[in-house]
N, C-alpha and C. Protein backbone atom coordinates (compact mmCIF):
# COMPACT_ATOMS: atom_id res chain seq x y z
N UNK A 1 191.77 99.62 142.12
CA UNK A 1 190.96 98.48 142.50
C UNK A 1 191.76 97.20 142.59
N UNK A 2 192.91 97.20 141.96
CA UNK A 2 193.77 96.03 142.07
C UNK A 2 195.21 96.42 141.84
N UNK A 3 196.10 95.74 142.53
CA UNK A 3 197.53 95.96 142.35
C UNK A 3 198.18 94.77 141.65
N UNK A 4 197.36 93.84 141.12
CA UNK A 4 197.91 92.61 140.58
C UNK A 4 197.93 92.56 139.07
N UNK A 5 197.42 93.54 138.40
CA UNK A 5 197.39 93.51 136.96
C UNK A 5 198.71 94.02 136.40
N UNK A 6 199.03 93.70 135.12
CA UNK A 6 200.29 94.12 134.52
C UNK A 6 200.49 95.63 134.63
N UNK A 7 201.75 96.04 134.76
CA UNK A 7 202.07 97.44 135.02
C UNK A 7 201.60 98.36 133.90
N UNK A 8 201.55 97.89 132.65
CA UNK A 8 201.16 98.75 131.54
C UNK A 8 199.70 99.19 131.63
N UNK A 9 198.94 98.51 132.47
CA UNK A 9 197.53 98.87 132.63
C UNK A 9 197.28 99.68 133.90
N UNK A 10 198.32 99.93 134.67
CA UNK A 10 198.11 100.58 135.96
C UNK A 10 197.53 101.98 135.85
N UNK A 11 197.99 102.76 134.88
CA UNK A 11 197.49 104.13 134.77
C UNK A 11 196.02 104.14 134.39
N UNK A 12 195.63 103.24 133.47
CA UNK A 12 194.23 103.16 133.09
C UNK A 12 193.36 102.73 134.27
N UNK A 13 193.85 101.77 135.02
CA UNK A 13 193.10 101.29 136.18
C UNK A 13 193.02 102.36 137.27
N UNK A 14 194.06 103.14 137.40
CA UNK A 14 194.04 104.23 138.39
C UNK A 14 192.96 105.25 138.02
N UNK A 15 192.88 105.61 136.73
CA UNK A 15 191.85 106.54 136.29
C UNK A 15 190.46 105.94 136.47
N UNK A 16 190.32 104.65 136.16
CA UNK A 16 189.03 103.97 136.33
C UNK A 16 188.61 103.98 137.79
N UNK A 17 189.57 103.72 138.66
CA UNK A 17 189.26 103.67 140.10
C UNK A 17 188.74 105.02 140.59
N UNK A 18 189.43 106.09 140.22
CA UNK A 18 189.01 107.40 140.72
C UNK A 18 187.73 107.89 140.06
N UNK A 19 187.54 107.56 138.79
CA UNK A 19 186.27 107.89 138.14
C UNK A 19 185.13 107.12 138.79
N UNK A 20 185.38 105.86 139.11
CA UNK A 20 184.38 105.01 139.78
C UNK A 20 183.97 105.64 141.12
N UNK A 21 184.97 106.00 141.91
CA UNK A 21 184.68 106.56 143.23
C UNK A 21 183.98 107.91 143.12
N UNK A 22 184.40 108.73 142.16
CA UNK A 22 183.78 110.05 142.01
C UNK A 22 182.31 109.92 141.62
N UNK A 23 182.02 109.04 140.68
CA UNK A 23 180.64 108.85 140.26
C UNK A 23 179.79 108.26 141.37
N UNK A 24 180.33 107.25 142.04
CA UNK A 24 179.57 106.58 143.10
C UNK A 24 179.20 107.57 144.19
N UNK A 25 180.19 108.26 144.75
CA UNK A 25 179.91 109.13 145.88
C UNK A 25 179.23 110.42 145.45
N UNK A 26 179.50 110.89 144.24
CA UNK A 26 178.83 112.09 143.76
C UNK A 26 177.33 111.87 143.56
N UNK A 27 176.97 110.78 142.90
CA UNK A 27 175.55 110.49 142.67
C UNK A 27 174.87 110.11 143.98
N UNK A 28 175.58 109.40 144.86
CA UNK A 28 175.00 109.06 146.15
C UNK A 28 174.67 110.32 146.95
N UNK A 29 175.61 111.28 146.96
CA UNK A 29 175.37 112.54 147.69
C UNK A 29 174.17 113.28 147.09
N UNK A 30 174.10 113.34 145.76
CA UNK A 30 172.97 114.01 145.12
C UNK A 30 171.66 113.31 145.47
N UNK A 31 171.65 111.99 145.42
CA UNK A 31 170.41 111.25 145.67
C UNK A 31 169.93 111.41 147.11
N UNK A 32 170.85 111.68 148.03
CA UNK A 32 170.49 111.81 149.44
C UNK A 32 169.89 113.16 149.78
N UNK A 33 169.99 114.11 148.86
CA UNK A 33 169.46 115.46 149.11
C UNK A 33 167.97 115.51 148.78
N UNK A 34 167.17 115.63 149.81
CA UNK A 34 165.71 115.77 149.67
C UNK A 34 165.08 114.73 148.75
N UNK A 35 165.28 113.44 149.02
CA UNK A 35 164.60 112.42 148.21
C UNK A 35 163.09 112.47 148.42
N UNK A 36 162.34 111.89 147.48
CA UNK A 36 160.88 111.92 147.59
C UNK A 36 160.40 111.21 148.84
N UNK A 37 161.06 110.12 149.19
CA UNK A 37 160.66 109.34 150.37
C UNK A 37 161.94 108.79 151.00
N UNK A 38 162.22 109.23 152.23
CA UNK A 38 163.49 108.87 152.86
C UNK A 38 163.62 107.38 153.11
N UNK A 39 162.55 106.71 153.54
CA UNK A 39 162.62 105.27 153.77
C UNK A 39 162.90 104.53 152.48
N UNK A 40 162.23 104.94 151.42
CA UNK A 40 162.47 104.30 150.12
C UNK A 40 163.91 104.51 149.68
N UNK A 41 164.43 105.71 149.94
CA UNK A 41 165.83 105.98 149.59
C UNK A 41 166.76 105.00 150.27
N UNK A 42 166.55 104.79 151.57
CA UNK A 42 167.39 103.85 152.29
C UNK A 42 167.26 102.43 151.74
N UNK A 43 166.03 102.03 151.45
CA UNK A 43 165.81 100.68 150.93
C UNK A 43 166.49 100.49 149.57
N UNK A 44 166.49 101.53 148.75
CA UNK A 44 167.06 101.40 147.41
C UNK A 44 168.59 101.48 147.41
N UNK A 45 169.16 102.36 148.23
CA UNK A 45 170.62 102.55 148.18
C UNK A 45 171.36 101.56 149.08
N UNK A 46 170.64 100.87 149.97
CA UNK A 46 171.31 99.92 150.86
C UNK A 46 172.10 98.86 150.10
N UNK A 47 171.56 98.26 149.01
CA UNK A 47 172.38 97.29 148.26
C UNK A 47 173.62 97.92 147.65
N UNK A 48 173.53 99.18 147.23
CA UNK A 48 174.70 99.85 146.66
C UNK A 48 175.77 100.06 147.72
N UNK A 49 175.37 100.49 148.90
CA UNK A 49 176.33 100.68 149.99
C UNK A 49 176.95 99.35 150.41
N UNK A 50 176.13 98.30 150.49
CA UNK A 50 176.65 96.98 150.85
C UNK A 50 177.64 96.50 149.79
N UNK A 51 177.30 96.72 148.52
CA UNK A 51 178.20 96.32 147.44
C UNK A 51 179.52 97.06 147.51
N UNK A 52 179.46 98.35 147.83
CA UNK A 52 180.70 99.11 147.95
C UNK A 52 181.59 98.54 149.05
N UNK A 53 181.00 98.21 150.18
CA UNK A 53 181.79 97.65 151.28
C UNK A 53 182.44 96.33 150.89
N UNK A 54 181.71 95.49 150.16
CA UNK A 54 182.26 94.21 149.72
C UNK A 54 183.41 94.44 148.75
N UNK A 55 183.22 95.32 147.79
CA UNK A 55 184.29 95.59 146.81
C UNK A 55 185.51 96.21 147.47
N UNK A 56 185.28 97.12 148.41
CA UNK A 56 186.42 97.73 149.10
C UNK A 56 187.17 96.70 149.94
N UNK A 57 186.43 95.79 150.57
CA UNK A 57 187.06 94.79 151.40
C UNK A 57 187.83 93.72 150.63
N UNK A 58 187.45 93.51 149.36
CA UNK A 58 188.11 92.47 148.57
C UNK A 58 189.01 93.05 147.48
N UNK A 59 189.22 94.36 147.51
CA UNK A 59 189.98 95.02 146.44
C UNK A 59 191.36 94.43 146.24
N UNK A 60 192.03 94.10 147.32
CA UNK A 60 193.39 93.57 147.21
C UNK A 60 193.43 92.04 147.21
N UNK A 61 192.60 91.42 147.99
CA UNK A 61 192.63 89.95 148.09
C UNK A 61 191.97 89.25 146.91
N UNK A 62 190.94 89.88 146.31
CA UNK A 62 190.24 89.26 145.19
C UNK A 62 189.72 90.35 144.26
N UNK A 63 190.64 91.03 143.53
CA UNK A 63 190.20 92.10 142.62
C UNK A 63 189.40 91.53 141.45
N UNK A 64 188.40 92.26 141.03
CA UNK A 64 187.57 91.83 139.91
C UNK A 64 188.08 92.44 138.61
N UNK A 65 187.49 92.03 137.51
CA UNK A 65 187.82 92.61 136.22
C UNK A 65 187.24 94.03 136.13
N UNK A 66 187.84 94.89 135.30
CA UNK A 66 187.27 96.23 135.11
C UNK A 66 185.82 96.18 134.63
N UNK A 67 185.48 95.20 133.81
CA UNK A 67 184.10 95.06 133.34
C UNK A 67 183.15 94.86 134.51
N UNK A 68 183.52 93.99 135.43
CA UNK A 68 182.66 93.72 136.59
C UNK A 68 182.50 94.97 137.45
N UNK A 69 183.60 95.66 137.70
CA UNK A 69 183.52 96.89 138.51
C UNK A 69 182.62 97.94 137.83
N UNK A 70 182.75 98.08 136.52
CA UNK A 70 181.96 99.06 135.79
C UNK A 70 180.48 98.74 135.85
N UNK A 71 180.14 97.47 135.66
CA UNK A 71 178.74 97.07 135.70
C UNK A 71 178.14 97.28 137.10
N UNK A 72 178.91 96.98 138.12
CA UNK A 72 178.43 97.21 139.49
C UNK A 72 178.14 98.69 139.70
N UNK A 73 179.02 99.56 139.20
CA UNK A 73 178.80 101.00 139.34
C UNK A 73 177.51 101.42 138.64
N UNK A 74 177.30 100.94 137.42
CA UNK A 74 176.09 101.30 136.68
C UNK A 74 174.84 100.86 137.44
N UNK A 75 174.88 99.68 138.01
CA UNK A 75 173.74 99.19 138.78
C UNK A 75 173.52 100.07 140.01
N UNK A 76 174.59 100.45 140.67
CA UNK A 76 174.47 101.33 141.84
C UNK A 76 173.84 102.67 141.46
N UNK A 77 174.23 103.22 140.31
CA UNK A 77 173.67 104.50 139.88
C UNK A 77 172.17 104.37 139.60
N UNK A 78 171.76 103.26 139.01
CA UNK A 78 170.33 103.03 138.76
C UNK A 78 169.57 103.01 140.09
N UNK A 79 170.15 102.34 141.08
CA UNK A 79 169.51 102.27 142.40
C UNK A 79 169.42 103.64 143.05
N UNK A 80 170.49 104.41 142.96
CA UNK A 80 170.51 105.72 143.61
C UNK A 80 169.51 106.68 142.97
N UNK A 81 169.42 106.66 141.65
CA UNK A 81 168.45 107.52 140.96
C UNK A 81 167.03 107.10 141.33
N UNK A 82 166.78 105.79 141.33
CA UNK A 82 165.47 105.30 141.74
C UNK A 82 165.14 105.64 143.18
N UNK A 83 166.15 105.60 144.04
CA UNK A 83 165.93 105.94 145.44
C UNK A 83 165.61 107.41 145.63
N UNK A 84 166.20 108.28 144.82
CA UNK A 84 165.96 109.71 144.96
C UNK A 84 164.53 110.09 144.56
N UNK A 85 164.09 109.57 143.42
CA UNK A 85 162.78 109.96 142.90
C UNK A 85 161.66 109.01 143.30
N UNK A 86 161.99 107.78 143.70
CA UNK A 86 161.14 106.58 143.72
C UNK A 86 160.96 106.13 142.27
N UNK A 87 160.90 104.84 142.08
CA UNK A 87 160.92 104.28 140.73
C UNK A 87 159.75 104.74 139.88
N UNK A 88 158.61 104.97 140.49
CA UNK A 88 157.42 105.36 139.73
C UNK A 88 157.46 106.80 139.27
N UNK A 89 158.45 107.59 139.76
CA UNK A 89 158.47 109.02 139.45
C UNK A 89 159.79 109.49 138.86
N UNK A 90 160.63 108.59 138.40
CA UNK A 90 161.89 109.00 137.78
C UNK A 90 161.59 109.75 136.46
N UNK A 91 162.11 110.96 136.27
CA UNK A 91 161.78 111.74 135.07
C UNK A 91 162.06 111.02 133.76
N UNK A 92 163.14 110.25 133.68
CA UNK A 92 163.43 109.52 132.45
C UNK A 92 162.30 108.57 132.10
N UNK A 93 161.78 107.88 133.11
CA UNK A 93 160.66 106.97 132.88
C UNK A 93 159.41 107.70 132.44
N UNK A 94 159.17 108.89 133.01
CA UNK A 94 158.02 109.69 132.61
C UNK A 94 158.15 110.13 131.16
N UNK A 95 159.36 110.53 130.77
CA UNK A 95 159.59 110.97 129.39
C UNK A 95 159.35 109.82 128.41
N UNK A 96 159.87 108.63 128.74
CA UNK A 96 159.67 107.48 127.87
C UNK A 96 158.19 107.09 127.80
N UNK A 97 157.48 107.22 128.91
CA UNK A 97 156.06 106.90 128.92
C UNK A 97 155.29 107.80 127.96
N UNK A 98 155.61 109.10 128.00
CA UNK A 98 154.93 110.03 127.12
C UNK A 98 155.37 109.87 125.67
N UNK A 99 156.66 109.61 125.45
CA UNK A 99 157.17 109.50 124.09
C UNK A 99 156.63 108.27 123.37
N UNK A 100 156.45 107.17 124.11
CA UNK A 100 156.03 105.92 123.48
C UNK A 100 154.60 105.52 123.85
N UNK A 101 153.88 106.41 124.51
CA UNK A 101 152.49 106.13 124.84
C UNK A 101 152.30 104.97 125.79
N UNK A 102 153.20 104.82 126.75
CA UNK A 102 153.11 103.72 127.70
C UNK A 102 152.13 104.06 128.83
N UNK A 103 151.65 103.03 129.50
CA UNK A 103 150.67 103.21 130.57
C UNK A 103 151.28 103.53 131.92
N UNK A 104 152.58 103.32 132.07
CA UNK A 104 153.22 103.48 133.37
C UNK A 104 154.66 103.93 133.20
N UNK A 105 155.27 104.37 134.28
CA UNK A 105 156.69 104.69 134.31
C UNK A 105 157.46 103.38 134.45
N UNK A 106 158.23 103.03 133.43
CA UNK A 106 158.90 101.73 133.40
C UNK A 106 160.36 101.79 133.81
N UNK A 107 160.75 102.81 134.56
CA UNK A 107 162.14 102.87 135.02
C UNK A 107 162.48 101.67 135.88
N UNK A 108 161.49 101.16 136.63
CA UNK A 108 161.76 100.00 137.48
C UNK A 108 162.18 98.79 136.67
N UNK A 109 161.71 98.70 135.41
CA UNK A 109 162.10 97.56 134.57
C UNK A 109 163.58 97.64 134.20
N UNK A 110 164.10 98.86 134.07
CA UNK A 110 165.54 99.01 133.87
C UNK A 110 166.29 98.45 135.06
N UNK A 111 165.79 98.74 136.26
CA UNK A 111 166.43 98.22 137.47
C UNK A 111 166.41 96.70 137.52
N UNK A 112 165.29 96.10 137.12
CA UNK A 112 165.21 94.64 137.16
C UNK A 112 166.02 94.01 136.04
N UNK A 113 166.12 94.69 134.90
CA UNK A 113 167.02 94.21 133.85
C UNK A 113 168.46 94.17 134.35
N UNK A 114 168.87 95.25 135.02
CA UNK A 114 170.22 95.30 135.60
C UNK A 114 170.40 94.24 136.67
N UNK A 115 169.31 93.90 137.34
CA UNK A 115 169.36 92.89 138.40
C UNK A 115 169.74 91.51 137.84
N UNK A 116 169.55 91.32 136.55
CA UNK A 116 170.01 90.09 135.90
C UNK A 116 171.32 90.29 135.17
N UNK A 117 171.45 91.44 134.51
CA UNK A 117 172.61 91.72 133.66
C UNK A 117 173.91 91.78 134.46
N UNK A 118 173.87 92.50 135.57
CA UNK A 118 175.10 92.70 136.36
C UNK A 118 175.48 91.45 137.16
N UNK A 119 174.58 90.85 137.93
CA UNK A 119 174.95 89.63 138.66
C UNK A 119 175.40 88.49 137.75
N UNK A 120 174.95 88.48 136.50
CA UNK A 120 175.37 87.42 135.59
C UNK A 120 176.88 87.45 135.39
N UNK A 121 177.44 88.63 135.21
CA UNK A 121 178.89 88.73 135.02
C UNK A 121 179.63 88.45 136.32
N UNK A 122 179.08 88.93 137.43
CA UNK A 122 179.72 88.66 138.72
C UNK A 122 179.72 87.16 139.02
N UNK A 123 178.58 86.51 138.83
CA UNK A 123 178.50 85.07 139.09
C UNK A 123 179.41 84.30 138.14
N UNK A 124 179.44 84.71 136.90
CA UNK A 124 180.31 84.05 135.92
C UNK A 124 181.77 84.17 136.32
N UNK A 125 182.16 85.36 136.77
CA UNK A 125 183.54 85.58 137.16
C UNK A 125 183.92 84.71 138.36
N UNK A 126 183.06 84.63 139.34
CA UNK A 126 183.34 83.80 140.51
C UNK A 126 183.42 82.32 140.13
N UNK A 127 182.50 81.87 139.30
CA UNK A 127 182.49 80.46 138.92
C UNK A 127 183.73 80.07 138.13
N UNK A 128 184.22 80.98 137.28
CA UNK A 128 185.41 80.68 136.49
C UNK A 128 186.67 80.75 137.35
N UNK A 129 186.82 81.81 138.10
CA UNK A 129 188.06 82.01 138.83
C UNK A 129 188.21 81.05 140.01
N UNK A 130 187.10 80.71 140.64
CA UNK A 130 187.15 79.76 141.75
C UNK A 130 186.96 78.32 141.28
N UNK A 131 186.81 78.14 139.97
CA UNK A 131 186.67 76.81 139.36
C UNK A 131 185.50 76.04 139.97
N UNK A 132 184.41 76.75 140.16
CA UNK A 132 183.20 76.13 140.73
C UNK A 132 182.51 75.25 139.69
N UNK A 133 182.39 75.78 138.47
CA UNK A 133 181.77 75.04 137.37
C UNK A 133 182.69 75.17 136.16
N UNK A 134 183.19 74.06 135.65
CA UNK A 134 184.17 74.09 134.58
C UNK A 134 183.54 74.03 133.20
N UNK A 135 182.43 73.35 133.05
CA UNK A 135 181.82 73.22 131.73
C UNK A 135 181.01 74.47 131.39
N UNK A 136 181.31 75.11 130.26
CA UNK A 136 180.65 76.37 129.91
C UNK A 136 179.13 76.29 129.87
N UNK A 137 178.58 75.21 129.33
CA UNK A 137 177.13 75.11 129.22
C UNK A 137 176.47 75.08 130.60
N UNK A 138 177.00 74.24 131.48
CA UNK A 138 176.45 74.18 132.84
C UNK A 138 176.68 75.48 133.58
N UNK A 139 177.83 76.13 133.33
CA UNK A 139 178.11 77.40 133.99
C UNK A 139 177.09 78.46 133.57
N UNK A 140 176.81 78.53 132.28
CA UNK A 140 175.82 79.50 131.82
C UNK A 140 174.45 79.25 132.42
N UNK A 141 174.07 77.97 132.48
CA UNK A 141 172.78 77.62 133.07
C UNK A 141 172.70 78.04 134.52
N UNK A 142 173.75 77.75 135.28
CA UNK A 142 173.75 78.07 136.70
C UNK A 142 173.85 79.58 136.95
N UNK A 143 174.54 80.28 136.08
CA UNK A 143 174.58 81.75 136.21
C UNK A 143 173.16 82.31 136.09
N UNK A 144 172.42 81.84 135.11
CA UNK A 144 171.03 82.30 134.94
C UNK A 144 170.19 81.93 136.16
N UNK A 145 170.42 80.73 136.71
CA UNK A 145 169.69 80.31 137.91
C UNK A 145 169.98 81.23 139.09
N UNK A 146 171.25 81.61 139.25
CA UNK A 146 171.63 82.52 140.33
C UNK A 146 170.92 83.86 140.17
N UNK A 147 170.88 84.37 138.95
CA UNK A 147 170.24 85.66 138.71
C UNK A 147 168.74 85.60 139.00
N UNK A 148 168.10 84.51 138.61
CA UNK A 148 166.67 84.36 138.89
C UNK A 148 166.43 84.20 140.39
N UNK A 149 167.34 83.54 141.08
CA UNK A 149 167.21 83.41 142.54
C UNK A 149 167.32 84.77 143.21
N UNK A 150 168.24 85.61 142.74
CA UNK A 150 168.37 86.96 143.29
C UNK A 150 167.10 87.76 143.03
N UNK A 151 166.57 87.64 141.81
CA UNK A 151 165.34 88.34 141.46
C UNK A 151 164.18 87.88 142.33
N UNK A 152 164.07 86.58 142.54
CA UNK A 152 162.99 86.05 143.38
C UNK A 152 163.12 86.52 144.82
N UNK A 153 164.36 86.55 145.33
CA UNK A 153 164.58 87.02 146.70
C UNK A 153 164.16 88.48 146.84
N UNK A 154 164.44 89.28 145.80
CA UNK A 154 164.06 90.69 145.85
C UNK A 154 162.55 90.85 145.83
N UNK A 155 161.87 89.99 145.06
CA UNK A 155 160.40 90.05 145.04
C UNK A 155 159.83 89.69 146.41
N UNK A 156 160.46 88.75 147.10
CA UNK A 156 160.02 88.42 148.45
C UNK A 156 160.23 89.59 149.40
N UNK A 157 161.35 90.30 149.22
CA UNK A 157 161.61 91.50 150.03
C UNK A 157 160.53 92.55 149.78
N UNK A 158 160.14 92.71 148.53
CA UNK A 158 159.08 93.67 148.22
C UNK A 158 157.76 93.26 148.88
N UNK A 159 157.49 91.96 148.91
CA UNK A 159 156.28 91.46 149.54
C UNK A 159 156.29 91.77 151.04
N UNK A 160 157.44 91.59 151.69
CA UNK A 160 157.56 91.91 153.11
C UNK A 160 157.32 93.40 153.32
N UNK A 161 157.89 94.24 152.43
CA UNK A 161 157.68 95.68 152.55
C UNK A 161 156.21 96.04 152.44
N UNK A 162 155.50 95.33 151.57
CA UNK A 162 154.07 95.58 151.42
C UNK A 162 153.30 95.20 152.67
N UNK A 163 153.73 94.14 153.36
CA UNK A 163 153.07 93.73 154.58
C UNK A 163 153.33 94.70 155.73
N UNK A 164 154.54 95.27 155.75
CA UNK A 164 154.92 96.15 156.85
C UNK A 164 154.27 97.52 156.72
N UNK A 165 154.31 98.07 155.51
CA UNK A 165 153.80 99.43 155.31
C UNK A 165 153.28 99.58 153.90
N UNK A 166 151.99 99.83 153.77
CA UNK A 166 151.40 100.00 152.44
C UNK A 166 151.97 101.23 151.74
N UNK A 167 152.17 102.32 152.48
CA UNK A 167 152.70 103.55 151.88
C UNK A 167 154.13 103.35 151.39
N UNK A 168 154.96 102.73 152.23
CA UNK A 168 156.35 102.48 151.82
C UNK A 168 156.40 101.51 150.67
N UNK A 169 155.48 100.54 150.69
CA UNK A 169 155.46 99.54 149.63
C UNK A 169 155.16 100.17 148.28
N UNK A 170 154.22 101.12 148.23
CA UNK A 170 153.88 101.77 146.97
C UNK A 170 155.10 102.46 146.37
N UNK A 171 155.88 103.12 147.21
CA UNK A 171 157.06 103.83 146.72
C UNK A 171 158.19 102.87 146.39
N UNK A 172 158.35 101.82 147.21
CA UNK A 172 159.46 100.88 147.04
C UNK A 172 159.21 99.94 145.86
N UNK A 173 157.99 99.41 145.75
CA UNK A 173 157.68 98.47 144.70
C UNK A 173 157.56 99.16 143.34
N UNK A 174 156.89 100.29 143.33
CA UNK A 174 156.70 100.98 142.06
C UNK A 174 155.83 100.19 141.09
N UNK A 175 154.94 99.35 141.60
CA UNK A 175 154.13 98.50 140.73
C UNK A 175 153.11 99.29 139.93
N UNK A 176 152.65 100.42 140.47
CA UNK A 176 151.73 101.32 139.77
C UNK A 176 150.48 100.60 139.29
N UNK A 177 150.01 99.66 140.10
CA UNK A 177 148.77 98.96 139.79
C UNK A 177 148.88 97.89 138.73
N UNK A 178 150.09 97.55 138.32
CA UNK A 178 150.29 96.55 137.28
C UNK A 178 150.16 95.15 137.88
N UNK A 179 149.17 94.37 137.41
CA UNK A 179 148.86 93.07 138.01
C UNK A 179 149.99 92.07 137.84
N UNK A 180 150.76 92.18 136.75
CA UNK A 180 151.81 91.21 136.47
C UNK A 180 153.20 91.78 136.77
N UNK A 181 153.28 92.67 137.73
CA UNK A 181 154.53 93.35 138.04
C UNK A 181 155.62 92.36 138.46
N UNK A 182 155.29 91.43 139.35
CA UNK A 182 156.30 90.47 139.84
C UNK A 182 156.82 89.61 138.71
N UNK A 183 155.92 89.09 137.89
CA UNK A 183 156.33 88.21 136.80
C UNK A 183 157.17 88.96 135.76
N UNK A 184 156.77 90.18 135.45
CA UNK A 184 157.53 90.95 134.47
C UNK A 184 158.89 91.37 135.02
N UNK A 185 158.96 91.64 136.32
CA UNK A 185 160.25 91.97 136.93
C UNK A 185 161.24 90.82 136.74
N UNK A 186 160.78 89.61 137.02
CA UNK A 186 161.66 88.45 136.89
C UNK A 186 161.99 88.16 135.43
N UNK A 187 161.04 88.44 134.55
CA UNK A 187 161.30 88.24 133.12
C UNK A 187 162.39 89.19 132.64
N UNK A 188 162.37 90.43 133.12
CA UNK A 188 163.42 91.39 132.73
C UNK A 188 164.77 90.97 133.31
N UNK A 189 164.78 90.44 134.52
CA UNK A 189 166.04 89.95 135.10
C UNK A 189 166.58 88.77 134.28
N UNK A 190 165.69 87.88 133.86
CA UNK A 190 166.09 86.75 133.02
C UNK A 190 166.67 87.24 131.70
N UNK A 191 165.99 88.20 131.08
CA UNK A 191 166.49 88.76 129.82
C UNK A 191 167.86 89.40 130.01
N UNK A 192 168.03 90.14 131.10
CA UNK A 192 169.31 90.77 131.36
C UNK A 192 170.42 89.75 131.53
N UNK A 193 170.17 88.68 132.25
CA UNK A 193 171.19 87.64 132.47
C UNK A 193 171.58 86.99 131.15
N UNK A 194 170.60 86.65 130.33
CA UNK A 194 170.89 86.00 129.05
C UNK A 194 171.69 86.92 128.12
N UNK A 195 171.29 88.19 128.05
CA UNK A 195 172.00 89.12 127.18
C UNK A 195 173.42 89.37 127.66
N UNK A 196 173.62 89.42 128.97
CA UNK A 196 174.98 89.62 129.50
C UNK A 196 175.89 88.47 129.08
N UNK A 197 175.40 87.26 129.18
CA UNK A 197 176.22 86.10 128.80
C UNK A 197 176.53 86.10 127.31
N UNK A 198 175.54 86.45 126.50
CA UNK A 198 175.72 86.41 125.05
C UNK A 198 176.58 87.56 124.56
N UNK A 199 176.33 88.75 125.05
CA UNK A 199 177.00 89.95 124.53
C UNK A 199 178.37 90.21 125.14
N UNK A 200 178.54 89.83 126.40
CA UNK A 200 179.78 90.21 127.11
C UNK A 200 180.70 89.03 127.41
N UNK A 201 180.30 87.83 127.05
CA UNK A 201 181.08 86.66 127.42
C UNK A 201 182.52 86.70 126.92
N UNK A 202 182.73 86.99 125.64
CA UNK A 202 184.09 86.99 125.09
C UNK A 202 184.91 88.14 125.64
N UNK A 203 184.30 89.30 125.78
CA UNK A 203 185.00 90.45 126.37
C UNK A 203 185.41 90.12 127.80
N UNK A 204 184.52 89.50 128.53
CA UNK A 204 184.81 89.10 129.90
C UNK A 204 185.95 88.09 129.94
N UNK A 205 185.95 87.14 129.02
CA UNK A 205 187.02 86.14 128.97
C UNK A 205 188.38 86.79 128.75
N UNK A 206 188.46 87.78 127.87
CA UNK A 206 189.73 88.46 127.63
C UNK A 206 190.22 89.19 128.88
N UNK A 207 189.30 89.81 129.61
CA UNK A 207 189.71 90.50 130.85
C UNK A 207 190.11 89.50 131.92
N UNK A 208 189.44 88.37 131.98
CA UNK A 208 189.84 87.33 132.95
C UNK A 208 191.22 86.79 132.62
N UNK A 209 191.52 86.61 131.34
CA UNK A 209 192.85 86.12 130.96
C UNK A 209 193.93 87.13 131.33
N UNK A 210 193.64 88.40 131.11
CA UNK A 210 194.59 89.44 131.47
C UNK A 210 194.80 89.49 132.98
N UNK A 211 193.72 89.32 133.71
CA UNK A 211 193.81 89.33 135.18
C UNK A 211 194.64 88.15 135.69
N UNK A 212 194.46 86.98 135.09
CA UNK A 212 195.18 85.79 135.54
C UNK A 212 196.67 85.89 135.24
N UNK A 213 197.04 86.62 134.19
CA UNK A 213 198.47 86.79 133.86
C UNK A 213 199.17 87.69 134.85
N UNK A 214 198.39 88.50 135.57
CA UNK A 214 199.00 89.42 136.55
C UNK A 214 199.42 88.71 137.79
């Protein structure tokens, strides 16, 4: 994923790169085999494919930290699994619903949590490396704002899907009749963004320092 990091890390990065590619394309191929709804599959995996193209295009000119690449992969896998089953029918969500007596399949909430957790690190990395925002407090605030903006844009996309096709919207939204689905989706994205900054900030800083030394 990068040729600019210190040589002692090259073997680890080489293994990470090939593991990343194997997981991405392996799960994508599996998810494409007889998905529950083909249109929903395309809608869900399109961001993952777009993300792959962006990462591949910037691999040499603007390599990211291993943490950022790993988080992007995890988010892509969540999207691919959701695309294969549709969010309302993912077996893991069904199991959790039965185990904890929940009223609905909440796998979609994992997706919205990731929608805040992963972009928070990406936005933070861009702001630090491009020196967009220098003060940590303002940077954290703006990172959260970016994540909420992404979440809001996705909710608008879901609204458009509902207007275009009620059947596709049911599979794509996965709201399952929950009246506060939009608000809870954004709340999970907010929680994900805040936790990413709190839990991963120092780890991210160490990887950024290592990247800058390369």
